[in-house]
Amino acid sequence: MQLESSVAPLFFPDPEQNSVLHLGFAPLPMSQWIKLDTDFAIFQQHKLAQQTNLQRVFQSLPESEAAQADFAQFLARHLLAQHSDTFQVNNNDLLHKPSGRSWPLATNCLWQASLWAQEDFCLLEKKPDGLTSDYVLTAASVCSPSNWFLEDKIGKGLDQIHKPVPGYKQQLAARVNRFMESLRADRAYQRYNWSLQKGNQLLWRADEINDGGSGCENESESETKVASRNNSNIYWRVERQTFVKLPQSGAVVFAIRIYLHSAKRMNQLMNFDDAIARLVARLPQDERRYKDLDHFVNSGIGR
């Protein structure tokens, strides 16, 4: 499923950024935890289309049942309280008033509850044996991954999940673990993550890319200036990531909302080409390779 976000960009490239190892957690009013907009129908169609191969986008461990039930109740309460203009209860169903679509409120399944919102959702829980302080991914409904595979992450702790990220263990692991421990059910936090991709597919993985892929070509390290060539199929992909702790189970909800804006549109709002060129040039080579940015060196952005 393709997306051209109807809303204005929420996050812009910072040409002074010199590392992807930036947490950027910011407090978020609970009223803004879930974002709803006119792209709701696209996300719904995209999620429902994945049901033919559900295991690819939804997985859970048996011990996550309590957290899944806690999540469904928590999300329903939030939507009814904070988005009452959009959702209401109708005969024990949650009704989405603009579309007329409804879902049973009595669900203990993360996948079913994830259909109520545009976000993807991951549940992270501490192991009950108390032998580790790491949070483990026990359940996830992820239909729009940014070039990663759910089957590689389920049942693993944060350190293992982020193992491919250059420098994560040395620079971020301890800080992330402290942040997770500090979360409370009445407070939400958000951060943004960004990528560049060819095309505007929501499900962005190597096995799904059919337009030449995101690529990771061995460009010379000195070739860091983005040239002014025509490359109108480049998209600025932004993840709005939110974090909140569930009140009963203590599981952490990691929610991911995808936005896709063409480089052409971004250039109409800012000097996007030059900002991206400066940003890519400042990143260490291992981080550029991790984010598949070498493919865009000298490729031209949105011109």
Protein backbone atom coordinates (compact mmCIF):
# COMPACT_ATOMS: atom_id res chain seq x y z
CA MET A 1 0.00 0.00 0.00
CA GLN A 2 1.32 3.42 -0.98
CA LEU A 3 1.00 6.56 1.11
CA GLU A 4 1.21 10.23 0.24
CA SER A 5 0.64 11.76 3.66
CA SER A 6 -2.19 14.27 3.53
CA VAL A 7 -0.96 16.12 6.61
CA ALA A 8 1.91 18.57 6.65
CA PRO A 9 5.34 17.19 7.62
CA LEU A 10 5.88 17.00 11.38
CA PHE A 11 9.64 16.55 11.24
CA PHE A 12 12.32 18.05 9.01
CA PRO A 13 15.94 17.08 8.38
CA ASP A 14 18.50 18.75 10.63
CA PRO A 15 21.56 19.54 8.49
CA GLU A 16 23.63 19.89 11.67
CA GLN A 17 22.90 16.32 12.83
CA ASN A 18 26.11 14.31 12.97
CA SER A 19 24.89 10.94 14.28
CA VAL A 20 21.78 8.76 14.19
CA LEU A 21 22.49 7.90 17.84
CA HIS A 22 20.18 10.60 19.14
CA LEU A 23 17.30 9.68 21.44
CA GLY A 24 15.37 12.94 21.48
CA PHE A 25 12.66 11.81 23.90
CA ALA A 26 10.16 14.59 24.54
CA PRO A 27 7.17 14.64 26.94
CA LEU A 28 3.84 14.33 25.18
CA PRO A 29 0.36 15.14 26.55
CA MET A 30 -1.65 11.93 26.76
CA SER A 31 -4.31 13.61 24.63
CA GLN A 32 -1.81 13.53 21.74
CA TRP A 33 -0.65 9.94 22.19
CA ILE A 34 -2.63 8.63 19.18
CA LYS A 35 -2.73 10.70 15.99
CA LEU A 36 -5.87 10.55 13.84
CA ASP A 37 -6.22 12.21 10.45
CA THR A 38 -7.65 11.77 6.97
CA ASP A 39 -5.16 8.99 6.13
CA PHE A 40 -7.02 6.62 8.49
CA ALA A 41 -8.68 4.74 5.62
CA ILE A 42 -5.35 4.07 3.89
CA PHE A 43 -3.84 2.58 7.04
CA GLN A 44 -6.98 0.49 7.56
CA GLN A 45 -6.81 -0.94 4.05
CA HIS A 46 -3.11 -1.57 4.45
CA LYS A 47 -3.51 -3.44 7.73
CA LEU A 48 -6.45 -5.53 6.55
CA ALA A 49 -4.55 -6.52 3.41
CA GLN A 50 -1.90 -8.16 5.61
CA GLN A 51 -4.38 -10.63 7.13
CA THR A 52 -3.73 -13.14 4.36
CA ASN A 53 -0.27 -13.68 5.87
CA LEU A 54 -0.88 -12.52 9.42
CA GLN A 55 2.16 -14.16 11.00
CA ARG A 56 4.38 -11.82 9.02
CA VAL A 57 2.91 -8.73 10.72
CA PHE A 58 1.58 -10.03 14.05
CA GLN A 59 3.37 -12.25 16.53
CA SER A 60 3.03 -12.80 20.26
CA LEU A 61 4.46 -14.92 23.04
CA PRO A 62 2.07 -16.86 25.31
CA GLU A 63 3.14 -14.80 28.32
CA SER A 64 1.94 -11.60 26.63
CA GLU A 65 -1.79 -12.37 26.99
CA ALA A 66 -2.29 -10.15 30.04
CA ALA A 67 -0.44 -7.26 28.42
CA GLN A 68 -2.46 -7.60 25.22
CA ALA A 69 -5.72 -7.41 27.18
CA ASP A 70 -4.39 -4.44 29.16
CA PHE A 71 -3.44 -2.70 25.91
CA ALA A 72 -6.85 -3.19 24.28
CA GLN A 73 -8.62 -1.70 27.30
CA PHE A 74 -6.14 1.16 27.58
CA LEU A 75 -6.39 2.06 23.88
CA ALA A 76 -10.19 1.90 23.89
CA ARG A 77 -10.42 4.21 26.92
CA HIS A 78 -8.00 6.64 25.29
CA LEU A 79 -9.86 6.78 21.98
CA LEU A 80 -13.24 7.25 23.64
CA ALA A 81 -11.94 9.94 25.99
CA GLN A 82 -9.58 11.87 23.71
CA HIS A 83 -11.20 11.28 20.30
CA SER A 84 -14.90 11.22 21.15
CA ASP A 85 -15.64 13.12 17.93
CA THR A 86 -14.35 10.10 16.01
CA PHE A 87 -15.11 7.08 18.21
CA GLN A 88 -18.09 5.98 20.28
CA VAL A 89 -19.47 2.80 21.85
CA ASN A 90 -22.28 1.18 19.87
CA ASN A 91 -23.77 -2.12 21.11
CA ASN A 92 -20.52 -3.21 22.77
CA ASP A 93 -18.57 -2.29 19.66
CA LEU A 94 -16.10 0.52 19.09
CA LEU A 95 -17.55 2.57 16.26
CA HIS A 96 -15.40 4.73 13.99
CA LYS A 97 -17.99 7.36 13.10
CA PRO A 98 -16.45 8.78 9.89
CA SER A 99 -16.24 5.38 8.18
CA GLY A 100 -19.02 3.50 9.94
CA ARG A 101 -16.60 0.63 10.63
CA SER A 102 -16.85 -1.04 14.04
CA TRP A 103 -14.93 -3.63 16.04
CA PRO A 104 -15.81 -5.67 19.15
CA LEU A 105 -14.54 -3.92 22.27
CA ALA A 106 -14.20 -7.25 24.06
CA THR A 107 -10.86 -8.31 22.64
CA ASN A 108 -7.66 -9.50 24.29
CA CYS A 109 -5.72 -9.53 21.03
CA LEU A 110 -3.17 -6.88 20.12
CA TRP A 111 -3.78 -7.42 16.41
CA GLN A 112 -7.51 -6.77 16.69
CA ALA A 113 -6.98 -3.67 18.84
CA SER A 114 -4.29 -2.35 16.49
CA LEU A 115 -6.96 -1.98 13.78
CA TRP A 116 -8.47 0.89 15.77
CA ALA A 117 -5.58 3.23 15.03
CA GLN A 118 -3.12 4.19 12.32
CA GLU A 119 -0.08 3.25 14.41
CA ASP A 120 1.78 -0.03 14.58
CA PHE A 121 2.19 -1.31 18.14
CA CYS A 122 4.84 -3.27 20.03
CA LEU A 123 4.57 -4.49 23.63
CA LEU A 124 7.77 -4.70 25.66
CA GLU A 125 7.86 -6.48 29.03
CA LYS A 126 10.44 -7.32 31.63
CA LYS A 127 11.06 -11.02 32.17
CA PRO A 128 9.24 -12.23 35.30
CA ASP A 129 12.29 -14.18 36.49
CA GLY A 130 13.91 -10.90 37.51
CA LEU A 131 17.25 -12.04 36.14
CA THR A 132 17.52 -9.22 33.65
CA SER A 133 16.51 -5.57 33.50
CA ASP A 134 16.09 -5.71 29.74
CA TYR A 135 12.67 -5.27 28.17
CA VAL A 136 11.61 -8.07 25.80
CA LEU A 137 9.37 -7.75 22.74
CA THR A 138 6.50 -10.08 23.70
CA ALA A 139 3.85 -9.02 21.17
CA ALA A 140 3.78 -6.82 18.08
CA SER A 141 1.47 -5.75 15.28
CA VAL A 142 3.74 -4.14 12.70
CA CYS A 143 2.39 -3.67 9.17
CA SER A 144 4.73 -0.84 8.13
CA PRO A 145 8.25 -1.81 9.22
CA SER A 146 11.12 0.41 8.17
CA ASN A 147 13.27 -2.29 6.61
CA TRP A 148 13.24 -4.83 9.44
CA PHE A 149 11.62 -8.20 10.04
CA LEU A 150 9.30 -8.89 12.96
CA GLU A 151 10.30 -12.54 13.06
CA ASP A 152 13.87 -11.45 13.80
CA LYS A 153 12.83 -9.33 16.81
CA ILE A 154 10.03 -11.15 18.66
CA GLY A 155 11.12 -12.62 21.99
CA LYS A 156 14.34 -10.57 22.08
CA GLY A 157 15.45 -7.84 24.45
CA LEU A 158 16.20 -4.26 23.48
CA ASP A 159 19.95 -4.83 23.31
CA GLN A 160 19.50 -7.69 20.84
CA ILE A 161 16.83 -5.85 18.85
CA HIS A 162 19.17 -2.89 18.36
CA LYS A 163 22.29 -4.95 17.72
CA PRO A 164 22.48 -3.83 14.05
CA VAL A 165 22.57 -0.16 15.11
CA PRO A 166 26.20 1.03 15.10
CA GLY A 167 27.28 2.10 18.58
CA TYR A 168 23.94 1.39 20.27
CA LYS A 169 25.33 -0.87 23.00
CA GLN A 170 28.16 1.50 23.90
CA GLN A 171 26.32 4.81 23.68
CA LEU A 172 22.57 4.28 24.10
CA ALA A 173 21.69 0.97 25.77
CA ALA A 174 22.00 2.13 29.38
CA ARG A 175 20.15 5.39 28.70
CA VAL A 176 17.29 3.60 26.93
CA ASN A 177 16.93 1.10 29.78
CA ARG A 178 16.77 3.92 32.33
CA PHE A 179 14.16 5.68 30.23
CA MET A 180 12.00 2.55 30.03
CA GLU A 181 12.15 2.14 33.81
CA SER A 182 11.05 5.75 34.33
CA LEU A 183 7.87 5.50 32.24
CA ARG A 184 4.47 5.91 33.88
CA ALA A 185 0.95 5.08 32.69
CA ASP A 186 -0.22 8.69 32.86
CA ARG A 187 2.63 10.13 30.80
CA ALA A 188 3.61 9.65 27.18
CA TYR A 189 6.82 10.47 25.33
CA GLN A 190 7.66 10.78 21.67
CA ARG A 191 10.67 10.88 19.38
CA TYR A 192 11.16 10.95 15.62
CA ASN A 193 13.21 8.73 13.37
CA TRP A 194 13.83 9.33 9.68
CA SER A 195 14.89 7.54 6.52
CA LEU A 196 15.04 8.08 2.78
CA GLN A 197 13.38 5.50 0.56
CA LYS A 198 12.66 4.88 -3.09
CA GLY A 199 8.91 4.90 -3.62
CA ASN A 200 6.22 5.39 -1.02
CA GLN A 201 5.33 1.90 0.15
CA LEU A 202 4.23 1.67 3.77
CA LEU A 203 5.60 -1.87 4.07
CA TRP A 204 9.27 -1.12 3.41
CA ARG A 205 11.36 -4.27 3.57
CA ALA A 206 13.98 -5.79 1.32
CA ASP A 207 11.68 -8.69 0.36
CA GLU A 208 8.91 -6.28 -0.67
CA ILE A 209 10.85 -3.64 -2.60
CA ASN A 210 10.28 -4.07 -6.34
CA ASP A 211 11.70 -0.86 -7.73
CA GLY A 212 15.38 -1.56 -7.36
CA GLY A 213 15.43 -1.62 -3.58
CA SER A 214 16.73 0.84 -1.08
CA GLY A 215 20.22 -0.12 -2.10
CA CYS A 216 23.52 0.14 -0.32
CA GLU A 217 26.08 0.76 -3.00
CA ASN A 218 29.77 1.15 -2.27
CA GLU A 219 30.14 4.80 -3.12
CA SER A 220 33.39 6.57 -2.38
CA GLU A 221 33.34 8.18 1.08
CA SER A 222 34.38 11.47 -0.49
CA GLU A 223 31.32 11.50 -2.75
CA THR A 224 29.01 13.00 -0.17
CA LYS A 225 27.45 15.78 -2.17
CA VAL A 226 23.96 15.05 -3.45
CA ALA A 227 23.88 16.05 -7.11
CA SER A 228 21.08 17.96 -8.80
CA ARG A 229 19.65 15.17 -10.97
CA ASN A 230 16.08 14.11 -11.51
CA ASN A 231 15.05 11.58 -8.84
CA SER A 232 11.39 12.27 -8.20
CA ASN A 233 10.71 8.86 -6.62
CA ILE A 234 12.55 9.65 -3.37
CA TYR A 235 10.48 9.94 -0.20
CA TRP A 236 11.20 11.37 3.23
CA ARG A 237 10.03 8.63 5.60
CA VAL A 238 9.40 9.67 9.19
CA GLU A 239 8.50 7.48 12.15
CA ARG A 240 6.67 9.18 14.99
CA GLN A 241 7.52 6.89 17.89
CA THR A 242 5.61 7.09 21.17
CA PHE A 243 6.11 5.37 24.52
CA VAL A 244 3.70 4.80 27.39
CA LYS A 245 3.50 2.23 30.20
CA LEU A 246 0.30 0.20 30.67
CA PRO A 247 -1.34 0.56 34.12
CA GLN A 248 -2.04 -3.08 34.98
CA SER A 249 0.61 -5.22 33.28
CA GLY A 250 3.43 -2.68 33.37
CA ALA A 251 4.20 -3.42 29.71
CA VAL A 252 5.60 -0.58 27.63
CA VAL A 253 3.67 0.30 24.48
CA PHE A 254 5.99 1.35 21.66
CA ALA A 255 3.81 2.85 18.92
CA ILE A 256 5.06 3.73 15.44
CA ARG A 257 3.27 6.02 13.01
CA ILE A 258 4.64 6.39 9.48
CA TYR A 259 4.58 9.57 7.40
CA LEU A 260 5.72 9.71 3.77
CA HIS A 261 6.37 12.96 1.90
CA SER A 262 7.98 13.19 -1.52
CA ALA A 263 11.28 14.99 -1.80
CA LYS A 264 9.62 17.23 -4.36
CA ARG A 265 7.03 18.32 -1.81
CA MET A 266 9.69 18.74 0.86
CA ASN A 267 11.63 21.03 -1.48
CA GLN A 268 8.56 23.24 -1.73
CA LEU A 269 8.62 23.70 2.06
CA MET A 270 12.35 24.04 2.67
CA ASN A 271 15.73 23.69 1.00
CA PHE A 272 15.44 19.93 1.38
CA ASP A 273 18.12 18.91 -1.14
CA ASP A 274 20.84 20.93 0.55
CA ALA A 275 19.73 19.94 4.06
CA ILE A 276 19.86 16.24 3.16
CA ALA A 277 23.20 16.63 1.43
CA ARG A 278 24.71 18.25 4.53
CA LEU A 279 23.11 15.72 6.85
CA VAL A 280 24.36 12.69 4.90
CA ALA A 281 27.83 14.18 4.59
CA ARG A 282 28.10 14.63 8.38
CA LEU A 283 27.09 11.07 9.32
CA PRO A 284 29.80 8.48 9.98
CA GLN A 285 30.19 5.93 7.20
CA ASP A 286 28.91 3.02 9.32
CA GLU A 287 25.75 4.96 10.15
CA ARG A 288 25.21 5.93 6.52
CA ARG A 289 25.52 2.29 5.55
CA TYR A 290 23.17 1.19 8.34
CA LYS A 291 20.47 3.57 7.07
CA ASP A 292 21.15 2.65 3.41
CA LEU A 293 22.03 6.25 2.61
CA ASP A 294 24.95 5.49 0.33
CA HIS A 295 22.41 4.73 -2.37
CA PHE A 296 21.33 8.37 -2.36
CA VAL A 297 24.80 9.87 -2.57
CA ASN A 298 25.05 11.63 -5.94
CA SER A 299 21.55 10.36 -6.82
CA GLY A 300 19.76 13.72 -6.69
CA ILE A 301 16.87 14.38 -4.34
CA GLY A 302 13.53 15.55 -5.69
CA ARG A 303 14.76 17.51 -8.68
